[in-house]
Amino acid sequence: MNPQAVGQPSYPAATGGPPTSTSTVGVPTGAAVLPPPPSYVPPPQAPAPPPVYRRRGPGWLAVWVMLALALLLALSATVMSAMKLTASNPAATTTTVMAPPPPPVSYSPEQVAAAKKEACDASDTADKSIIAAQKNFFDAARDRQSPQYHPALGNFQLVVILETQYIQQHLPPATPKNVLDATNEYVTAVIRLVDANTRELSDHDAQPFVLALRSAGDRLDKVCE
């Protein structure tokens, strides 16, 4: 056996060196033996906060779509209201009552006679002026290149316009129907003859209008007897 130094612990033969955790060198007798301090463990770190998710606000397209939908809804509501008002207020039916025609006015024999005299006197006076202007024109129309032709035609036109108006102004309501019809026929025949002369128809083409005026004048003379 090998001598050991006092105070030096003996080591088991199986170990290659002294164990670091069972040494009692320098420890007083009866003192409590503390276990070795635990190895350093870093404190646990707080978990990282989850990423904050921010909702994207609606874009301009979405805003316009919402506004359009709102306008469509408002318009639909307005149309429906108008349709309801129209349906609830049917159009009023207007009934037109035709009044019966007034009874024919009767005139006394004296009134009829006075109206006939006035109409016939007016046509007789006008006929004299018309015949004079017509004769003057026919004389000038023999030579349509003469300087008297166009003035004579203009005078004939003017006389016919004035005298036919004069005749129509002297047809009272009590004028007999036969006198009224004959007078209107005479006025129409005069106007047609003047129109034919204004269009400068030949004497042959204007002859039917001359004959029509003569016939209308004869009829008027007959009813005015």
Protein backbone atom coordinates (compact mmCIF):
# COMPACT_ATOMS: atom_id res chain seq x y z
CA MET A 1 0.00 0.00 0.00
CA ASN A 2 1.15 3.51 -0.79
CA PRO A 3 1.19 5.99 2.01
CA GLN A 4 -1.44 8.85 1.55
CA ALA A 5 -1.03 12.35 2.67
CA VAL A 6 -3.00 13.43 5.67
CA GLY A 7 -6.13 15.15 4.73
CA GLN A 8 -6.02 13.93 1.14
CA PRO A 9 -8.89 11.74 0.18
CA SER A 10 -8.36 8.45 -1.39
CA TYR A 11 -9.67 7.84 -4.86
CA PRO A 12 -11.13 4.64 -6.02
CA ALA A 13 -8.94 2.74 -8.32
CA ALA A 14 -11.56 2.42 -10.96
CA THR A 15 -11.80 6.14 -11.61
CA GLY A 16 -9.31 8.08 -13.57
CA GLY A 17 -9.57 11.21 -11.37
CA PRO A 18 -11.43 12.76 -8.53
CA PRO A 19 -15.11 13.41 -9.06
CA THR A 20 -15.80 17.08 -9.14
CA SER A 21 -19.15 16.86 -7.37
CA THR A 22 -18.19 14.84 -4.19
CA SER A 23 -15.16 16.77 -2.92
CA THR A 24 -15.25 17.70 0.80
CA VAL A 25 -11.93 19.50 0.98
CA GLY A 26 -12.16 22.59 3.13
CA VAL A 27 -15.65 21.76 4.34
CA PRO A 28 -16.00 21.86 8.16
CA THR A 29 -17.21 18.82 9.91
CA GLY A 30 -20.95 18.79 10.41
CA ALA A 31 -21.56 21.44 7.74
CA ALA A 32 -24.38 20.82 5.32
CA VAL A 33 -23.31 19.88 1.91
CA LEU A 34 -25.20 21.88 -0.77
CA PRO A 35 -25.85 20.46 -4.12
CA PRO A 36 -24.07 22.11 -6.96
CA PRO A 37 -25.90 25.01 -8.52
CA PRO A 38 -27.96 24.09 -11.50
CA SER A 39 -26.69 24.98 -14.87
CA TYR A 40 -27.86 28.41 -16.25
CA VAL A 41 -31.08 28.23 -18.15
CA PRO A 42 -32.07 31.44 -19.96
CA PRO A 43 -35.54 32.69 -19.17
CA PRO A 44 -38.18 31.83 -21.75
CA GLN A 45 -38.74 34.56 -24.27
CA ALA A 46 -42.18 35.97 -24.78
CA PRO A 47 -43.81 34.72 -27.94
CA ALA A 48 -43.69 37.13 -30.81
CA PRO A 49 -47.00 38.95 -31.34
CA PRO A 50 -48.98 37.72 -34.31
CA PRO A 51 -48.84 39.99 -37.34
CA VAL A 52 -51.58 42.54 -37.35
CA TYR A 53 -53.90 42.09 -40.35
CA ARG A 54 -55.35 45.31 -41.64
CA ARG A 55 -58.44 45.10 -43.79
CA ARG A 56 -58.16 47.04 -46.98
CA GLY A 57 -60.80 49.67 -47.28
CA PRO A 58 -63.19 49.49 -50.27
CA GLY A 59 -61.71 50.96 -53.40
CA TRP A 60 -63.30 53.67 -55.55
CA LEU A 61 -64.86 51.05 -57.80
CA ALA A 62 -66.70 49.47 -54.89
CA VAL A 63 -67.88 52.90 -53.74
CA TRP A 64 -69.28 53.75 -57.16
CA VAL A 65 -71.01 50.38 -57.38
CA MET A 66 -72.68 50.96 -54.01
CA LEU A 67 -73.79 54.45 -55.03
CA ALA A 68 -75.21 53.13 -58.30
CA LEU A 69 -77.16 50.45 -56.48
CA ALA A 70 -78.54 53.03 -54.07
CA LEU A 71 -79.65 55.25 -56.94
CA LEU A 72 -81.31 52.34 -58.71
CA LEU A 73 -83.20 51.43 -55.57
CA ALA A 74 -84.36 55.02 -55.09
CA LEU A 75 -85.46 55.26 -58.73
CA SER A 76 -87.34 51.98 -58.49
CA ALA A 77 -89.16 53.21 -55.40
CA THR A 78 -90.14 56.44 -57.17
CA VAL A 79 -91.45 54.59 -60.21
CA MET A 80 -93.48 52.23 -58.08
CA SER A 81 -94.99 55.15 -56.16
CA ALA A 82 -95.95 56.89 -59.40
CA MET A 83 -97.53 53.71 -60.73
CA LYS A 84 -99.58 53.31 -57.58
CA LEU A 85 -100.78 56.90 -57.74
CA THR A 86 -101.73 56.50 -61.39
CA ALA A 87 -103.56 53.27 -60.73
CA SER A 88 -105.43 54.74 -57.80
CA ASN A 89 -106.57 57.81 -59.77
CA PRO A 90 -108.13 56.66 -63.06
CA ALA A 91 -108.52 59.27 -65.75
CA ALA A 92 -111.84 61.01 -65.72
CA THR A 93 -114.15 60.27 -68.61
CA THR A 94 -115.40 63.33 -70.41
CA THR A 95 -118.80 63.06 -71.98
CA THR A 96 -119.57 65.57 -74.68
CA VAL A 97 -123.21 66.37 -75.13
CA MET A 98 -123.98 67.76 -78.55
CA ALA A 99 -126.54 70.48 -78.45
CA PRO A 100 -129.30 70.12 -81.01
CA PRO A 101 -129.05 72.52 -83.94
CA PRO A 102 -131.14 75.62 -83.59
CA PRO A 103 -134.39 75.63 -85.49
CA PRO A 104 -134.28 77.37 -88.85
CA VAL A 105 -134.98 81.04 -88.71
CA SER A 106 -138.11 82.05 -90.49
CA TYR A 107 -138.46 85.44 -92.13
CA SER A 108 -141.50 87.38 -92.97
CA PRO A 109 -142.43 87.91 -96.61
CA GLU A 110 -141.45 91.56 -96.29
CA GLN A 111 -137.96 90.61 -95.08
CA VAL A 112 -137.49 88.12 -97.91
CA ALA A 113 -138.59 90.66 -100.50
CA ALA A 114 -136.25 93.30 -99.11
CA ALA A 115 -133.32 90.90 -99.09
CA LYS A 116 -134.01 89.85 -102.68
CA LYS A 117 -134.15 93.47 -103.84
CA GLU A 118 -130.86 94.30 -102.09
CA ALA A 119 -129.03 91.31 -103.60
CA CYS A 120 -130.34 91.85 -107.10
CA ASP A 121 -129.63 95.60 -107.08
CA ALA A 122 -126.05 94.94 -105.95
CA SER A 123 -125.41 92.34 -108.64
CA ASP A 124 -126.94 94.59 -111.29
CA THR A 125 -124.72 97.51 -110.29
CA ALA A 126 -121.61 95.33 -110.18
CA ASP A 127 -122.43 93.70 -113.50
CA LYS A 128 -122.38 97.06 -115.28
CA SER A 129 -118.86 97.83 -114.05
CA ILE A 130 -117.65 94.31 -114.85
CA ILE A 131 -119.04 94.41 -118.39
CA ALA A 132 -117.37 97.77 -119.05
CA ALA A 133 -113.97 96.55 -117.83
CA GLN A 134 -114.37 93.29 -119.78
CA LYS A 135 -115.15 95.14 -123.03
CA ASN A 136 -112.14 97.39 -122.58
CA PHE A 137 -109.91 94.35 -122.08
CA PHE A 138 -111.32 92.46 -125.06
CA ASP A 139 -110.59 95.44 -127.30
CA ALA A 140 -106.97 95.59 -126.07
CA ALA A 141 -106.53 91.82 -126.27
CA ARG A 142 -106.88 91.87 -130.07
CA ASP A 143 -103.22 92.85 -130.09
CA ARG A 144 -101.50 91.47 -127.02
CA GLN A 145 -98.31 93.26 -127.97
CA SER A 146 -99.97 96.65 -127.77
CA PRO A 147 -99.16 98.98 -124.85
CA GLN A 148 -102.84 98.99 -123.82
CA TYR A 149 -103.04 95.23 -123.27
CA HIS A 150 -101.50 94.83 -119.79
CA PRO A 151 -103.12 97.97 -118.29
CA ALA A 152 -106.51 96.77 -119.54
CA LEU A 153 -105.91 93.33 -118.04
CA GLY A 154 -104.90 94.85 -114.70
CA ASN A 155 -108.00 97.06 -114.66
CA PHE A 156 -110.25 94.08 -115.43
CA GLN A 157 -108.70 92.11 -112.56
CA LEU A 158 -109.14 94.98 -110.11
CA VAL A 159 -112.75 95.67 -111.08
CA VAL A 160 -113.69 92.00 -110.71
CA ILE A 161 -112.12 91.79 -107.24
CA LEU A 162 -113.91 94.90 -105.98
CA GLU A 163 -117.31 94.18 -107.53
CA THR A 164 -117.51 90.53 -106.45
CA GLN A 165 -116.77 91.60 -102.88
CA TYR A 166 -119.50 94.22 -103.17
CA ILE A 167 -122.00 91.58 -104.33
CA GLN A 168 -121.15 89.21 -101.46
CA GLN A 169 -121.55 92.01 -98.93
CA HIS A 170 -125.14 92.56 -100.04
CA LEU A 171 -126.55 89.09 -99.45
CA PRO A 172 -128.73 89.42 -96.33
CA PRO A 173 -129.67 86.29 -94.32
CA ALA A 174 -133.23 86.51 -95.65
CA THR A 175 -132.10 86.28 -99.30
CA PRO A 176 -134.09 83.56 -101.10
CA LYS A 177 -132.11 80.43 -101.88
CA ASN A 178 -132.57 80.64 -105.64
CA VAL A 179 -131.22 84.20 -105.67
CA LEU A 180 -128.34 83.23 -103.40
CA ASP A 181 -127.35 80.26 -105.59
CA ALA A 182 -127.56 82.26 -108.82
CA THR A 183 -125.48 85.07 -107.35
CA ASN A 184 -122.73 82.69 -106.16
CA GLU A 185 -122.68 81.01 -109.58
CA TYR A 186 -122.27 84.40 -111.27
CA VAL A 187 -119.40 85.42 -108.97
CA THR A 188 -117.61 82.11 -109.59
CA ALA A 189 -117.96 82.47 -113.37
CA VAL A 190 -116.52 86.00 -113.34
CA ILE A 191 -113.49 84.93 -111.29
CA ARG A 192 -112.80 81.95 -113.59
CA LEU A 193 -112.89 84.17 -116.67
CA VAL A 194 -110.42 86.62 -115.16
CA ASP A 195 -108.13 83.72 -114.23
CA ALA A 196 -108.20 82.46 -117.83
CA ASN A 197 -107.31 85.92 -119.13
CA THR A 198 -104.52 86.27 -116.57
CA ARG A 199 -103.02 83.00 -117.82
CA GLU A 200 -103.29 84.51 -121.32
CA LEU A 201 -105.24 81.68 -122.82
CA SER A 202 -106.02 81.95 -126.48
CA ASP A 203 -109.40 83.29 -127.54
CA HIS A 204 -110.45 79.78 -128.45
CA ASP A 205 -109.44 78.33 -125.07
CA ALA A 206 -111.02 81.22 -123.16
CA GLN A 207 -114.35 80.96 -124.99
CA PRO A 208 -115.89 78.35 -122.59
CA PHE A 209 -115.34 80.72 -119.67
CA VAL A 210 -117.03 83.54 -121.58
CA LEU A 211 -120.05 81.35 -122.28
CA ALA A 212 -120.23 80.21 -118.64
CA LEU A 213 -120.30 83.83 -117.47
CA ARG A 214 -123.03 84.68 -119.95
CA SER A 215 -125.14 81.73 -118.77
CA ALA A 216 -124.69 82.64 -115.10
CA GLY A 217 -125.69 86.24 -115.82
CA ASP A 218 -128.84 85.14 -117.62
CA ARG A 219 -129.85 82.92 -114.70
CA LEU A 220 -129.30 85.73 -112.21
CA ASP A 221 -131.38 88.10 -114.31
CA LYS A 222 -134.19 85.56 -114.39
CA VAL A 223 -134.40 85.00 -110.61
CA CYS A 224 -134.22 88.72 -109.99
CA GLU A 225 -137.30 89.52 -112.14
